[in-house]
Each structure stands twice: as C-alpha cells, then as structure tokens.
Amino acid sequence: MAAKKKEERLKVESLEEELESVKGQVSKLLEICLPPKEVRQEIMKNVYTIELSLFKIFKTLLDYQVSELEKKIDAPKKKAKKVEIE
C-alpha cells in the first residue's frame, strides 16, 4: 500500500493537462448556457458583419483623408505677383 501512495505522489499533472481539463469543464458549462449551434453561428456571422462594416467605414474615412492630403501636396503653389512700381 505504501508503494501505491509513492506512485501517486510521483505522478504530477502537467500544466497542459490541467488546462485541457479546465477547458473541458468550461465548454460543458457553456454548452448549457449558450443557445444551439446554429443560433451561435448566426450570431457570430452578424458580429463579423458588424466588424466588417466598421472597418469599411474607417477605410472610407482614411481614403478620404489621404485624397485630401494628396490634393494639398499636388496643388500648384501660388507665386506672388510682381508689381511694377513707377
């Protein structure tokens, strides 16, 4: 019986094994709380669509700012007119 206790003491779970165990427990808990898989997929699709829309808005705003700056850089510089004094 003493040998059996020594074996138990020597076997230490690695951090990876503990992490996998925790992941399994959390996933089981989430399965109870979350809606069915089809509904979750639809929700995630909507979230990604919202994110994509926001990035497109930012891209449009950035493109506008870039075009405005390019216009300012490429605009012909106005030179002062020489006025002849008599």
PDB file of N, CA and C in Angstrom:
ATOM      1  N   MET A   1       0.821  -1.175   0.000  1.00  0.00           N
ATOM      2  CA  MET A   1       0.000   0.000   0.000  1.00  0.00           C
ATOM      3  C   MET A   1       0.878   1.256   0.000  1.00  0.00           C
ATOM      4  N   ALA A   2       2.027   1.192   0.679  1.00  0.00           N
ATOM      5  CA  ALA A   2       2.946   2.326   0.725  1.00  0.00           C
ATOM      6  C   ALA A   2       3.505   2.619  -0.666  1.00  0.00           C
ATOM      7  N   ALA A   3       3.743   1.570  -1.451  1.00  0.00           N
ATOM      8  CA  ALA A   3       4.269   1.755  -2.806  1.00  0.00           C
ATOM      9  C   ALA A   3       3.246   2.467  -3.676  1.00  0.00           C
ATOM     10  N   LYS A   4       1.991   2.168  -3.492  1.00  0.00           N
ATOM     11  CA  LYS A   4       0.931   2.791  -4.280  1.00  0.00           C
ATOM     12  C   LYS A   4       0.850   4.290  -3.981  1.00  0.00           C
ATOM     13  N   LYS A   5       0.989   4.665  -2.728  1.00  0.00           N
ATOM     14  CA  LYS A   5       0.962   6.082  -2.366  1.00  0.00           C
ATOM     15  C   LYS A   5       2.152   6.822  -2.960  1.00  0.00           C
ATOM     16  N   LYS A   6       3.320   6.182  -3.006  1.00  0.00           N
ATOM     17  CA  LYS A   6       4.504   6.816  -3.595  1.00  0.00           C
ATOM     18  C   LYS A   6       4.276   7.088  -5.072  1.00  0.00           C
ATOM     19  N   GLU A   7       3.633   6.144  -5.768  1.00  0.00           N
ATOM     20  CA  GLU A   7       3.360   6.334  -7.195  1.00  0.00           C
ATOM     21  C   GLU A   7       2.435   7.516  -7.404  1.00  0.00           C
ATOM     22  N   GLU A   8       1.460   7.651  -6.549  1.00  0.00           N
ATOM     23  CA  GLU A   8       0.531   8.771  -6.677  1.00  0.00           C
ATOM     24  C   GLU A   8       1.247  10.092  -6.444  1.00  0.00           C
ATOM     25  N   ARG A   9       2.160  10.115  -5.514  1.00  0.00           N
ATOM     26  CA  ARG A   9       2.887  11.348  -5.233  1.00  0.00           C
ATOM     27  C   ARG A   9       3.814  11.719  -6.377  1.00  0.00           C
ATOM     28  N   LEU A  10       4.389  10.717  -7.027  1.00  0.00           N
ATOM     29  CA  LEU A  10       5.332  10.985  -8.109  1.00  0.00           C
ATOM     30  C   LEU A  10       4.630  11.494  -9.366  1.00  0.00           C
ATOM     31  N   LYS A  11       3.412  11.052  -9.568  1.00  0.00           N
ATOM     32  CA  LYS A  11       2.689  11.479 -10.770  1.00  0.00           C
ATOM     33  C   LYS A  11       2.077  12.852 -10.519  1.00  0.00           C
ATOM     34  N   VAL A  12       2.638  13.842 -11.196  1.00  0.00           N
ATOM     35  CA  VAL A  12       2.140  15.207 -11.080  1.00  0.00           C
ATOM     36  C   VAL A  12       1.582  15.607 -12.439  1.00  0.00           C
ATOM     37  N   GLU A  13       0.364  16.095 -12.434  1.00  0.00           N
ATOM     38  CA  GLU A  13      -0.236  16.521 -13.700  1.00  0.00           C
ATOM     39  C   GLU A  13       0.503  17.732 -14.228  1.00  0.00           C
ATOM     40  N   SER A  14       0.729  17.720 -15.521  1.00  0.00           N
ATOM     41  CA  SER A  14       1.401  18.870 -16.116  1.00  0.00           C
ATOM     42  C   SER A  14       0.399  20.011 -16.252  1.00  0.00           C
ATOM     43  N   LEU A  15       0.918  21.170 -16.479  1.00  0.00           N
ATOM     44  CA  LEU A  15       0.072  22.349 -16.634  1.00  0.00           C
ATOM     45  C   LEU A  15      -0.839  22.215 -17.852  1.00  0.00           C
ATOM     46  N   GLU A  16      -0.330  21.587 -18.898  1.00  0.00           N
ATOM     47  CA  GLU A  16      -1.138  21.393 -20.110  1.00  0.00           C
ATOM     48  C   GLU A  16      -2.343  20.498 -19.825  1.00  0.00           C
ATOM     49  N   GLU A  17      -2.119  19.415 -19.054  1.00  0.00           N
ATOM     50  CA  GLU A  17      -3.220  18.519 -18.724  1.00  0.00           C
ATOM     51  C   GLU A  17      -4.267  19.237 -17.887  1.00  0.00           C
ATOM     52  N   GLU A  18      -3.833  20.050 -16.945  1.00  0.00           N
ATOM     53  CA  GLU A  18      -4.771  20.805 -16.121  1.00  0.00           C
ATOM     54  C   GLU A  18      -5.547  21.803 -16.974  1.00  0.00           C
ATOM     55  N   LEU A  19      -4.854  22.439 -17.905  1.00  0.00           N
ATOM     56  CA  LEU A  19      -5.505  23.403 -18.789  1.00  0.00           C
ATOM     57  C   LEU A  19      -6.560  22.724 -19.649  1.00  0.00           C
ATOM     58  N   GLU A  20      -6.239  21.562 -20.199  1.00  0.00           N
ATOM     59  CA  GLU A  20      -7.211  20.822 -21.002  1.00  0.00           C
ATOM     60  C   GLU A  20      -8.419  20.425 -20.161  1.00  0.00           C
ATOM     61  N   SER A  21      -8.179  20.045 -18.925  1.00  0.00           N
ATOM     62  CA  SER A  21      -9.266  19.676 -18.027  1.00  0.00           C
ATOM     63  C   SER A  21     -10.183  20.869 -17.767  1.00  0.00           C
ATOM     64  N   VAL A  22      -9.580  22.012 -17.521  1.00  0.00           N
ATOM     65  CA  VAL A  22     -10.366  23.221 -17.270  1.00  0.00           C
ATOM     66  C   VAL A  22     -11.148  23.615 -18.514  1.00  0.00           C
ATOM     67  N   LYS A  23     -10.506  23.520 -19.687  1.00  0.00           N
ATOM     68  CA  LYS A  23     -11.195  23.845 -20.944  1.00  0.00           C
ATOM     69  C   LYS A  23     -12.420  22.960 -21.135  1.00  0.00           C
ATOM     70  N   GLY A  24     -12.263  21.665 -20.842  1.00  0.00           N
ATOM     71  CA  GLY A  24     -13.384  20.736 -20.974  1.00  0.00           C
ATOM     72  C   GLY A  24     -14.533  21.099 -20.051  1.00  0.00           C
ATOM     73  N   GLN A  25     -14.203  21.452 -18.822  1.00  0.00           N
ATOM     74  CA  GLN A  25     -15.240  21.825 -17.865  1.00  0.00           C
ATOM     75  C   GLN A  25     -15.942  23.106 -18.285  1.00  0.00           C
ATOM     76  N   VAL A  26     -15.180  24.082 -18.756  1.00  0.00           N
ATOM     77  CA  VAL A  26     -15.769  25.353 -19.190  1.00  0.00           C
ATOM     78  C   VAL A  26     -16.647  25.138 -20.413  1.00  0.00           C
ATOM     79  N   SER A  27     -16.182  24.321 -21.351  1.00  0.00           N
ATOM     80  CA  SER A  27     -17.002  24.081 -22.544  1.00  0.00           C
ATOM     81  C   SER A  27     -18.311  23.385 -22.197  1.00  0.00           C
ATOM     82  N   LYS A  28     -18.278  22.474 -21.245  1.00  0.00           N
ATOM     83  CA  LYS A  28     -19.519  21.816 -20.812  1.00  0.00           C
ATOM     84  C   LYS A  28     -20.468  22.827 -20.186  1.00  0.00           C
ATOM     85  N   LEU A  29     -19.914  23.737 -19.399  1.00  0.00           N
ATOM     86  CA  LEU A  29     -20.730  24.763 -18.759  1.00  0.00           C
ATOM     87  C   LEU A  29     -21.332  25.700 -19.804  1.00  0.00           C
ATOM     88  N   LEU A  30     -20.525  26.069 -20.792  1.00  0.00           N
ATOM     89  CA  LEU A  30     -21.025  26.968 -21.837  1.00  0.00           C
ATOM     90  C   LEU A  30     -22.101  26.309 -22.693  1.00  0.00           C
ATOM     91  N   GLU A  31     -21.967  25.027 -22.935  1.00  0.00           N
ATOM     92  CA  GLU A  31     -22.981  24.318 -23.727  1.00  0.00           C
ATOM     93  C   GLU A  31     -24.349  24.412 -23.066  1.00  0.00           C
ATOM     94  N   ILE A  32     -24.369  24.414 -21.757  1.00  0.00           N
ATOM     95  CA  ILE A  32     -25.637  24.520 -21.030  1.00  0.00           C
ATOM     96  C   ILE A  32     -26.208  25.931 -21.165  1.00  0.00           C
ATOM     97  N   CYS A  33     -25.335  26.935 -21.118  1.00  0.00           N
ATOM     98  CA  CYS A  33     -25.783  28.332 -21.104  1.00  0.00           C
ATOM     99  C   CYS A  33     -26.030  28.917 -22.490  1.00  0.00           C
ATOM    100  N   LEU A  34     -25.315  28.426 -23.484  1.00  0.00           N
ATOM    101  CA  LEU A  34     -25.404  29.012 -24.813  1.00  0.00           C
ATOM    102  C   LEU A  34     -26.547  28.429 -25.625  1.00  0.00           C
ATOM    103  N   PRO A  35     -27.015  29.185 -26.614  1.00  0.00           N
ATOM    104  CA  PRO A  35     -28.066  28.673 -27.497  1.00  0.00           C
ATOM    105  C   PRO A  35     -27.512  27.581 -28.418  1.00  0.00           C
ATOM    106  N   PRO A  36     -28.371  26.958 -29.200  1.00  0.00           N
ATOM    107  CA  PRO A  36     -27.921  25.898 -30.113  1.00  0.00           C
ATOM    108  C   PRO A  36     -26.852  26.389 -31.091  1.00  0.00           C
ATOM    109  N   LYS A  37     -26.138  25.430 -31.670  1.00  0.00           N
ATOM    110  CA  LYS A  37     -25.001  25.736 -32.532  1.00  0.00           C
ATOM    111  C   LYS A  37     -25.408  26.613 -33.726  1.00  0.00           C
ATOM    112  N   GLU A  38     -26.549  26.347 -34.327  1.00  0.00           N
ATOM    113  CA  GLU A  38     -26.988  27.120 -35.493  1.00  0.00           C
ATOM    114  C   GLU A  38     -27.197  28.592 -35.121  1.00  0.00           C
ATOM    115  N   VAL A  39     -27.770  28.818 -33.956  1.00  0.00           N
ATOM    116  CA  VAL A  39     -28.023  30.183 -33.494  1.00  0.00           C
ATOM    117  C   VAL A  39     -26.694  30.886 -33.190  1.00  0.00           C
ATOM    118  N   ARG A  40     -25.772  30.158 -32.568  1.00  0.00           N
ATOM    119  CA  ARG A  40     -24.454  30.738 -32.273  1.00  0.00           C
ATOM    120  C   ARG A  40     -23.740  31.122 -33.558  1.00  0.00           C
ATOM    121  N   GLN A  41     -23.850  30.265 -34.578  1.00  0.00           N
ATOM    122  CA  GLN A  41     -23.204  30.570 -35.856  1.00  0.00           C
ATOM    123  C   GLN A  41     -23.804  31.822 -36.480  1.00  0.00           C
ATOM    124  N   GLU A  42     -25.100  31.967 -36.395  1.00  0.00           N
ATOM    125  CA  GLU A  42     -25.761  33.148 -36.943  1.00  0.00           C
ATOM    126  C   GLU A  42     -25.344  34.401 -36.177  1.00  0.00           C
ATOM    127  N   ILE A  43     -25.237  34.290 -34.863  1.00  0.00           N
ATOM    128  CA  ILE A  43     -24.802  35.419 -34.044  1.00  0.00           C
ATOM    129  C   ILE A  43     -23.375  35.821 -34.422  1.00  0.00           C
ATOM    130  N   MET A  44     -22.485  34.838 -34.542  1.00  0.00           N
ATOM    131  CA  MET A  44     -21.098  35.136 -34.907  1.00  0.00           C
ATOM    132  C   MET A  44     -21.020  35.753 -36.305  1.00  0.00           C
ATOM    133  N   LYS A  45     -21.848  35.276 -37.215  1.00  0.00           N
ATOM    134  CA  LYS A  45     -21.880  35.848 -38.568  1.00  0.00           C
ATOM    135  C   LYS A  45     -22.277  37.323 -38.496  1.00  0.00           C
ATOM    136  N   ASN A  46     -23.277  37.639 -37.672  1.00  0.00           N
ATOM    137  CA  ASN A  46     -23.712  39.021 -37.514  1.00  0.00           C
ATOM    138  C   ASN A  46     -22.631  39.877 -36.867  1.00  0.00           C
ATOM    139  N   VAL A  47     -21.938  39.321 -35.888  1.00  0.00           N
ATOM    140  CA  VAL A  47     -20.852  40.064 -35.236  1.00  0.00           C
ATOM    141  C   VAL A  47     -19.755  40.372 -36.255  1.00  0.00           C
ATOM    142  N   TYR A  48     -19.386  39.381 -37.071  1.00  0.00           N
ATOM    143  CA  TYR A  48     -18.353  39.608 -38.086  1.00  0.00           C
ATOM    144  C   TYR A  48     -18.817  40.621 -39.122  1.00  0.00           C
ATOM    145  N   THR A  49     -20.099  40.598 -39.461  1.00  0.00           N
ATOM    146  CA  THR A  49     -20.633  41.562 -40.417  1.00  0.00           C
ATOM    147  C   THR A  49     -20.541  42.980 -39.855  1.00  0.00           C
ATOM    148  N   ILE A  50     -20.859  43.139 -38.582  1.00  0.00           N
ATOM    149  CA  ILE A  50     -20.762  44.447 -37.934  1.00  0.00           C
ATOM    150  C   ILE A  50     -19.320  44.923 -37.939  1.00  0.00           C
ATOM    151  N   GLU A  51     -18.410  44.026 -37.594  1.00  0.00           N
ATOM    152  CA  GLU A  51     -16.991  44.375 -37.564  1.00  0.00           C
ATOM    153  C   GLU A  51     -16.511  44.778 -38.954  1.00  0.00           C
ATOM    154  N   LEU A  52     -16.920  44.030 -39.966  1.00  0.00           N
ATOM    155  CA  LEU A  52     -16.539  44.340 -41.339  1.00  0.00           C
ATOM    156  C   LEU A  52     -17.073  45.708 -41.752  1.00  0.00           C
ATOM    157  N   SER A  53     -18.303  46.007 -41.387  1.00  0.00           N
ATOM    158  CA  SER A  53     -18.895  47.303 -41.719  1.00  0.00           C
ATOM    159  C   SER A  53     -18.115  48.443 -41.072  1.00  0.00           C
ATOM    160  N   LEU A  54     -17.744  48.274 -39.823  1.00  0.00           N
ATOM    161  CA  LEU A  54     -16.976  49.312 -39.139  1.00  0.00           C
ATOM    162  C   LEU A  54     -15.619  49.531 -39.810  1.00  0.00           C
ATOM    163  N   PHE A  55     -14.957  48.442 -40.184  1.00  0.00           N
ATOM    164  CA  PHE A  55     -13.662  48.584 -40.849  1.00  0.00           C
ATOM    165  C   PHE A  55     -13.816  49.248 -42.212  1.00  0.00           C
ATOM    166  N   LYS A  56     -14.907  48.964 -42.917  1.00  0.00           N
ATOM    167  CA  LYS A  56     -15.142  49.627 -44.205  1.00  0.00           C
ATOM    168  C   LYS A  56     -15.365  51.122 -44.015  1.00  0.00           C
ATOM    169  N   ILE A  57     -16.068  51.489 -42.935  1.00  0.00           N
ATOM    170  CA  ILE A  57     -16.274  52.911 -42.634  1.00  0.00           C
ATOM    171  C   ILE A  57     -14.932  53.578 -42.360  1.00  0.00           C
ATOM    172  N   PHE A  58     -14.101  52.950 -41.527  1.00  0.00           N
ATOM    173  CA  PHE A  58     -12.775  53.511 -41.235  1.00  0.00           C
ATOM    174  C   PHE A  58     -11.933  53.620 -42.501  1.00  0.00           C
ATOM    175  N   LYS A  59     -12.015  52.607 -43.359  1.00  0.00           N
ATOM    176  CA  LYS A  59     -11.252  52.618 -44.606  1.00  0.00           C
ATOM    177  C   LYS A  59     -11.701  53.783 -45.492  1.00  0.00           C
ATOM    178  N   THR A  60     -13.000  54.000 -45.581  1.00  0.00           N
ATOM    179  CA  THR A  60     -13.523  55.106 -46.384  1.00  0.00           C
ATOM    180  C   THR A  60     -13.045  56.445 -45.841  1.00  0.00           C
ATOM    181  N   LEU A  61     -13.097  56.605 -44.518  1.00  0.00           N
ATOM    182  CA  LEU A  61     -12.635  57.853 -43.904  1.00  0.00           C
ATOM    183  C   LEU A  61     -11.141  58.066 -44.137  1.00  0.00           C
ATOM    184  N   LEU A  62     -10.367  57.013 -44.012  1.00  0.00           N
ATOM    185  CA  LEU A  62      -8.925  57.124 -44.252  1.00  0.00           C
ATOM    186  C   LEU A  62      -8.624  57.443 -45.708  1.00  0.00           C
ATOM    187  N   ASP A  63      -9.341  56.792 -46.624  1.00  0.00           N
ATOM    188  CA  ASP A  63      -9.135  57.080 -48.047  1.00  0.00           C
ATOM    189  C   ASP A  63      -9.456  58.539 -48.354  1.00  0.00           C
ATOM    190  N   TYR A  64     -10.503  59.067 -47.751  1.00  0.00           N
ATOM    191  CA  TYR A  64     -10.857  60.466 -47.952  1.00  0.00           C
ATOM    192  C   TYR A  64      -9.753  61.382 -47.433  1.00  0.00           C
ATOM    193  N   GLN A  65      -9.254  61.098 -46.232  1.00  0.00           N
ATOM    194  CA  GLN A  65      -8.192  61.930 -45.664  1.00  0.00           C
ATOM    195  C   GLN A  65      -6.931  61.866 -46.520  1.00  0.00           C
ATOM    196  N   VAL A  66      -6.613  60.694 -47.026  1.00  0.00           N
ATOM    197  CA  VAL A  66      -5.432  60.545 -47.886  1.00  0.00           C
ATOM    198  C   VAL A  66      -5.605  61.345 -49.163  1.00  0.00           C
ATOM    199  N   SER A  67      -6.775  61.285 -49.767  1.00  0.00           N
ATOM    200  CA  SER A  67      -7.006  62.033 -51.013  1.00  0.00           C
ATOM    201  C   SER A  67      -6.932  63.538 -50.766  1.00  0.00           C
ATOM    202  N   GLU A  68      -7.446  63.996 -49.627  1.00  0.00           N
ATOM    203  CA  GLU A  68      -7.360  65.422 -49.298  1.00  0.00           C
ATOM    204  C   GLU A  68      -5.909  65.862 -49.134  1.00  0.00           C
ATOM    205  N   LEU A  69      -5.108  65.051 -48.457  1.00  0.00           N
ATOM    206  CA  LEU A  69      -3.697  65.385 -48.279  1.00  0.00           C
ATOM    207  C   LEU A  69      -2.950  65.364 -49.609  1.00  0.00           C
ATOM    208  N   GLU A  70      -3.289  64.427 -50.475  1.00  0.00           N
ATOM    209  CA  GLU A  70      -2.648  64.372 -51.788  1.00  0.00           C
ATOM    210  C   GLU A  70      -2.983  65.616 -52.602  1.00  0.00           C
ATOM    211  N   LYS A  71      -4.230  66.088 -52.489  1.00  0.00           N
ATOM    212  CA  LYS A  71      -4.615  67.313 -53.194  1.00  0.00           C
ATOM    213  C   LYS A  71      -3.808  68.501 -52.693  1.00  0.00           C
ATOM    214  N   LYS A  72      -3.616  68.573 -51.372  1.00  0.00           N
ATOM    215  CA  LYS A  72      -2.846  69.676 -50.797  1.00  0.00           C
ATOM    216  C   LYS A  72      -1.391  69.631 -51.252  1.00  0.00           C
ATOM    217  N   ILE A  73      -0.831  68.445 -51.368  1.00  0.00           N
ATOM    218  CA  ILE A  73       0.557  68.308 -51.785  1.00  0.00           C
ATOM    219  C   ILE A  73       0.712  68.651 -53.261  1.00  0.00           C
ATOM    220  N   ASP A  74      -0.208  68.178 -54.084  1.00  0.00           N
ATOM    221  CA  ASP A  74      -0.113  68.364 -55.523  1.00  0.00           C
ATOM    222  C   ASP A  74      -0.652  69.711 -56.000  1.00  0.00           C
ATOM    223  N   ALA A  75      -1.276  70.477 -55.145  1.00  0.00           N
ATOM    224  CA  ALA A  75      -1.848  71.763 -55.545  1.00  0.00           C
ATOM    225  C   ALA A  75      -0.715  72.689 -55.998  1.00  0.00           C
ATOM    226  N   PRO A  76      -0.934  73.408 -57.112  1.00  0.00           N
ATOM    227  CA  PRO A  76       0.121  74.316 -57.584  1.00  0.00           C
ATOM    228  C   PRO A  76       0.324  75.444 -56.577  1.00  0.00           C
ATOM    229  N   LYS A  77       1.584  75.714 -56.331  1.00  0.00           N
ATOM    230  CA  LYS A  77       1.894  76.771 -55.375  1.00  0.00           C
ATOM    231  C   LYS A  77       1.696  78.113 -56.070  1.00  0.00           C
ATOM    232  N   LYS A  78       0.998  78.998 -55.394  1.00  0.00           N
ATOM    233  CA  LYS A  78       0.758  80.320 -55.951  1.00  0.00           C
ATOM    234  C   LYS A  78       1.963  81.195 -55.665  1.00  0.00           C
ATOM    235  N   LYS A  79       2.465  81.772 -56.722  1.00  0.00           N
ATOM    236  CA  LYS A  79       3.601  82.666 -56.554  1.00  0.00           C
ATOM    237  C   LYS A  79       3.074  84.085 -56.422  1.00  0.00           C
ATOM    238  N   ALA A  80       3.817  84.862 -55.746  1.00  0.00           N
ATOM    239  CA  ALA A  80       3.438  86.266 -55.569  1.00  0.00           C
ATOM    240  C   ALA A  80       3.598  86.979 -56.910  1.00  0.00           C
ATOM    241  N   LYS A  81       2.647  87.839 -57.212  1.00  0.00           N
ATOM    242  CA  LYS A  81       2.719  88.605 -58.448  1.00  0.00           C
ATOM    243  C   LYS A  81       3.689  89.768 -58.277  1.00  0.00           C
ATOM    244  N   LYS A  82       4.452  89.973 -59.325  1.00  0.00           N
ATOM    245  CA  LYS A  82       5.356  91.110 -59.283  1.00  0.00           C
ATOM    246  C   LYS A  82       4.583  92.356 -59.714  1.00  0.00           C
ATOM    247  N   VAL A  83       4.684  93.325 -58.918  1.00  0.00           N
ATOM    248  CA  VAL A  83       4.024  94.585 -59.229  1.00  0.00           C
ATOM    249  C   VAL A  83       5.108  95.603 -59.562  1.00  0.00           C
ATOM    250  N   GLU A  84       4.974  96.167 -60.720  1.00  0.00           N
ATOM    251  CA  GLU A  84       5.969  97.160 -61.130  1.00  0.00           C
ATOM    252  C   GLU A  84       5.631  98.501 -60.496  1.00  0.00           C
ATOM    253  N   ILE A  85       6.623  99.094 -59.905  1.00  0.00           N
ATOM    254  CA  ILE A  85       6.425 100.394 -59.283  1.00  0.00           C
ATOM    255  C   ILE A  85       7.049 101.434 -60.184  1.00  0.00           C
ATOM    256  N   GLU A  86       6.290 102.493 -60.498  1.00  0.00           N
ATOM    257  CA  GLU A  86       6.801 103.543 -61.377  1.00  0.00           C
ATOM    258  C   GLU A  86       7.375 104.682 -60.609  1.00  0.00           C
TER     259      GLU A  86
END
